[in-house]
């Protein structure tokens, strides 16, 4: 179900559709079982990166890893220059 939602949202929002605006970006983990390790690197969970415009449009995509390089690359590809991007500043 989540995979279908991610694919549907990703395919319906082209890169050129995200306007210059205020956006929020964050990563999360989906799937697997609740027991055991939580958070980054949790076994059996898929890392997903998402960007949401304050106007309400959303772009999400599963990512290979949640390194700064991967997430920054996705942000640069999806958010127009001049936009204000809010993050949780994970290091």
Protein backbone atom coordinates (compact mmCIF):
# COMPACT_ATOMS: atom_id res chain seq x y z
CA UNK A 1 0.00 0.00 0.00
CA UNK A 2 2.75 2.48 0.95
CA UNK A 3 4.77 1.48 -2.10
CA UNK A 4 1.76 2.21 -4.34
CA UNK A 5 1.26 5.61 -2.68
CA UNK A 6 4.95 6.49 -3.11
CA UNK A 7 4.90 5.51 -6.78
CA UNK A 8 1.66 7.39 -7.44
CA UNK A 9 2.82 10.59 -5.77
CA UNK A 10 6.27 10.44 -7.40
CA UNK A 11 4.91 9.95 -10.90
CA UNK A 12 2.26 12.65 -10.58
CA UNK A 13 4.67 15.39 -9.50
CA UNK A 14 7.25 16.29 -12.13
CA UNK A 15 10.39 18.19 -11.11
CA UNK A 16 9.24 21.32 -12.92
CA UNK A 17 5.97 21.38 -10.94
CA UNK A 18 7.56 22.24 -7.59
CA UNK A 19 7.43 26.03 -7.56
CA UNK A 20 9.66 28.53 -5.82
CA UNK A 21 8.24 28.45 -2.33
CA UNK A 22 8.81 27.27 1.21
CA UNK A 23 9.28 23.50 1.41
CA UNK A 24 10.06 20.98 4.14
CA UNK A 25 12.31 17.96 3.52
CA UNK A 26 12.80 14.89 5.70
CA UNK A 27 13.50 11.16 5.56
CA UNK A 28 11.65 8.32 7.22
CA UNK A 29 11.62 4.52 7.32
CA UNK A 30 8.70 2.30 6.30
CA UNK A 31 7.98 -1.42 6.46
CA UNK A 32 9.47 -4.12 8.61
CA UNK A 33 8.34 -4.93 12.10
CA UNK A 34 8.03 -2.57 15.02
CA UNK A 35 10.11 -4.74 17.35
CA UNK A 36 13.86 -4.41 17.50
CA UNK A 37 16.06 -1.57 16.32
CA UNK A 38 14.35 1.72 15.54
CA UNK A 39 15.49 4.71 13.51
CA UNK A 40 18.41 4.89 11.10
CA UNK A 41 19.56 1.53 9.80
CA UNK A 42 16.60 -0.40 11.17
CA UNK A 43 16.61 -3.86 9.58
CA UNK A 44 13.89 -4.58 7.04
CA UNK A 45 12.84 -0.97 6.66
CA UNK A 46 12.96 1.09 3.46
CA UNK A 47 14.34 4.65 3.70
CA UNK A 48 12.02 7.16 2.03
CA UNK A 49 12.80 10.84 1.36
CA UNK A 50 10.05 13.39 1.02
CA UNK A 51 9.57 17.05 0.21
CA UNK A 52 6.34 18.91 0.94
CA UNK A 53 5.43 22.40 -0.18
CA UNK A 54 3.78 24.58 2.39
CA UNK A 55 0.97 24.88 -0.20
CA UNK A 56 0.39 21.16 0.23
CA UNK A 57 1.98 19.39 -2.76
CA UNK A 58 4.15 16.39 -1.91
CA UNK A 59 7.02 14.49 -3.57
CA UNK A 60 8.30 11.24 -2.00
CA UNK A 61 10.71 8.58 -3.21
CA UNK A 62 12.47 5.54 -1.75
CA UNK A 63 16.23 6.14 -1.53
CA UNK A 64 19.22 3.79 -1.38
CA UNK A 65 20.66 5.53 1.67
CA UNK A 66 20.05 8.64 3.72
CA UNK A 67 23.49 10.18 3.34
CA UNK A 68 23.72 13.95 3.05
CA UNK A 69 24.93 13.56 -0.55
CA UNK A 70 21.91 11.49 -1.61
CA UNK A 71 19.36 13.73 0.08
CA UNK A 72 20.96 16.96 -1.13
CA UNK A 73 21.05 15.64 -4.70
CA UNK A 74 17.33 14.76 -4.55
CA UNK A 75 16.52 18.18 -3.11
CA UNK A 76 18.49 20.03 -5.79
CA UNK A 77 16.74 18.03 -8.53
CA UNK A 78 13.22 18.61 -7.19
CA UNK A 79 13.19 22.08 -5.62
CA UNK A 80 13.54 25.21 -7.73
CA UNK A 81 16.40 27.58 -7.05
CA UNK A 82 15.34 30.36 -4.70
CA UNK A 83 13.08 28.17 -2.58
CA UNK A 84 13.44 28.13 1.19
CA UNK A 85 14.07 24.56 2.41
CA UNK A 86 13.41 23.57 6.04
CA UNK A 87 15.06 20.39 7.40
CA UNK A 88 15.80 18.79 10.76
CA UNK A 89 19.53 19.38 10.13
CA UNK A 90 20.53 15.75 10.74
CA UNK A 91 24.32 15.30 10.61
